[in-house]
Amino acid sequence: KASFKLVILGEDLTYGQKWYARLQHEYGNRILYMGWCCDRTEYAKWLRKSSIVVSTANHETFGISIVESVWCGA
């Protein structure tokens, strides 16, 4: 069985954050961090610890979160 850890950055105000509870229930012991980062330093710290990035943004014209993740080594 593959071992992995999750870092989930951002927040979902649109749907009342119901998916947070589901992720917490299903992957709680694998989640290193889940939520909003207070500043760019904290955000970059979590990106640098990541190997794979997935964006779930409905609309992101340039894809800046993907570019930032690649820049940080994901």
C-alpha atoms as a PDB file:
ATOM      1  CA  LYS A   1       0.000   0.000   0.000  1.00  0.00           C
ATOM      2  CA  ALA A   2       1.393   3.398  -1.003  1.00  0.00           C
ATOM      3  CA  SER A   3       2.154   5.864   1.744  1.00  0.00           C
ATOM      4  CA  PHE A   4       1.385   9.530   1.246  1.00  0.00           C
ATOM      5  CA  LYS A   5       0.709  12.714   3.212  1.00  0.00           C
ATOM      6  CA  LEU A   6      -1.604  15.562   2.249  1.00  0.00           C
ATOM      7  CA  VAL A   7      -1.264  19.324   2.429  1.00  0.00           C
ATOM      8  CA  ILE A   8      -4.545  21.016   1.524  1.00  0.00           C
ATOM      9  CA  LEU A   9      -4.157  24.755   1.023  1.00  0.00           C
ATOM     10  CA  GLY A  10      -7.025  27.196   0.695  1.00  0.00           C
ATOM     11  CA  GLU A  11     -10.588  27.329   1.834  1.00  0.00           C
ATOM     12  CA  ASP A  12     -14.002  26.621   0.385  1.00  0.00           C
ATOM     13  CA  LEU A  13     -16.520  29.237   1.441  1.00  0.00           C
ATOM     14  CA  THR A  14     -18.908  28.417  -1.413  1.00  0.00           C
ATOM     15  CA  TYR A  15     -20.030  25.039  -0.103  1.00  0.00           C
ATOM     16  CA  GLY A  16     -19.741  25.613   3.612  1.00  0.00           C
ATOM     17  CA  GLN A  17     -16.503  23.618   3.772  1.00  0.00           C
ATOM     18  CA  LYS A  18     -18.366  20.273   3.885  1.00  0.00           C
ATOM     19  CA  TRP A  19     -15.583  18.593   1.919  1.00  0.00           C
ATOM     20  CA  TYR A  20     -13.118  19.547   4.670  1.00  0.00           C
ATOM     21  CA  ALA A  21     -15.020  17.353   7.121  1.00  0.00           C
ATOM     22  CA  ARG A  22     -15.069  14.484   4.640  1.00  0.00           C
ATOM     23  CA  LEU A  23     -11.328  14.743   3.979  1.00  0.00           C
ATOM     24  CA  GLN A  24     -10.644  14.969   7.703  1.00  0.00           C
ATOM     25  CA  HIS A  25     -12.708  11.832   8.276  1.00  0.00           C
ATOM     26  CA  GLU A  26     -11.184   9.802   5.415  1.00  0.00           C
ATOM     27  CA  TYR A  27      -7.556  11.011   5.532  1.00  0.00           C
ATOM     28  CA  GLY A  28      -7.148  12.600   8.961  1.00  0.00           C
ATOM     29  CA  ASN A  29      -3.954  10.762   9.884  1.00  0.00           C
ATOM     30  CA  ARG A  30      -2.392  11.643   6.510  1.00  0.00           C
ATOM     31  CA  ILE A  31      -3.116  15.388   6.611  1.00  0.00           C
ATOM     32  CA  LEU A  32      -0.097  17.498   7.566  1.00  0.00           C
ATOM     33  CA  TYR A  33      -1.888  20.816   7.086  1.00  0.00           C
ATOM     34  CA  MET A  34      -5.328  21.895   5.936  1.00  0.00           C
ATOM     35  CA  GLY A  35      -6.502  25.467   5.609  1.00  0.00           C
ATOM     36  CA  TRP A  36      -5.575  28.979   4.662  1.00  0.00           C
ATOM     37  CA  CYS A  37      -2.005  30.242   4.974  1.00  0.00           C
ATOM     38  CA  CYS A  38      -1.656  33.573   6.753  1.00  0.00           C
ATOM     39  CA  ASP A  39       1.258  34.790   4.624  1.00  0.00           C
ATOM     40  CA  ARG A  40       3.360  34.002   1.548  1.00  0.00           C
ATOM     41  CA  THR A  41       6.186  32.538   3.635  1.00  0.00           C
ATOM     42  CA  GLU A  42       3.934  29.899   5.180  1.00  0.00           C
ATOM     43  CA  TYR A  43       2.354  29.180   1.774  1.00  0.00           C
ATOM     44  CA  ALA A  44       5.775  28.691   0.135  1.00  0.00           C
ATOM     45  CA  LYS A  45       6.912  26.477   3.035  1.00  0.00           C
ATOM     46  CA  TRP A  46       4.084  24.023   2.381  1.00  0.00           C
ATOM     47  CA  LEU A  47       4.628  24.128  -1.389  1.00  0.00           C
ATOM     48  CA  ARG A  48       8.319  23.299  -0.912  1.00  0.00           C
ATOM     49  CA  LYS A  49       7.340  20.186   1.087  1.00  0.00           C
ATOM     50  CA  SER A  50       5.078  18.979  -1.746  1.00  0.00           C
ATOM     51  CA  SER A  51       5.859  16.562  -4.554  1.00  0.00           C
ATOM     52  CA  ILE A  52       2.585  16.741  -6.467  1.00  0.00           C
ATOM     53  CA  VAL A  53       0.149  19.614  -6.846  1.00  0.00           C
ATOM     54  CA  VAL A  54      -3.486  19.498  -7.930  1.00  0.00           C
ATOM     55  CA  SER A  55      -5.552  22.622  -8.454  1.00  0.00           C
ATOM     56  CA  THR A  56      -9.304  22.399  -7.980  1.00  0.00           C
ATOM     57  CA  ALA A  57      -9.964  26.029  -8.899  1.00  0.00           C
ATOM     58  CA  ASN A  58     -13.086  26.483 -11.015  1.00  0.00           C
ATOM     59  CA  HIS A  59     -11.571  29.479 -12.739  1.00  0.00           C
ATOM     60  CA  GLU A  60      -7.939  30.412 -12.726  1.00  0.00           C
ATOM     61  CA  THR A  61      -7.022  32.253 -15.907  1.00  0.00           C
ATOM     62  CA  PHE A  62      -3.235  32.028 -15.631  1.00  0.00           C
ATOM     63  CA  GLY A  63      -2.851  29.074 -13.264  1.00  0.00           C
ATOM     64  CA  ILE A  64      -0.653  30.998 -10.845  1.00  0.00           C
ATOM     65  CA  SER A  65      -1.003  28.397  -8.074  1.00  0.00           C
ATOM     66  CA  ILE A  66       0.434  25.753 -10.413  1.00  0.00           C
ATOM     67  CA  VAL A  67       3.294  28.057 -11.443  1.00  0.00           C
ATOM     68  CA  GLU A  68       4.043  28.837  -7.772  1.00  0.00           C
ATOM     69  CA  SER A  69       4.024  25.126  -6.944  1.00  0.00           C
ATOM     70  CA  VAL A  70       6.414  24.272  -9.766  1.00  0.00           C
ATOM     71  CA  TRP A  71       8.680  27.154  -8.718  1.00  0.00           C
ATOM     72  CA  CYS A  72       8.784  25.654  -5.206  1.00  0.00           C
ATOM     73  CA  GLY A  73       9.672  22.199  -6.528  1.00  0.00           C
ATOM     74  CA  ALA A  74       6.384  20.332  -6.740  1.00  0.00           C
END
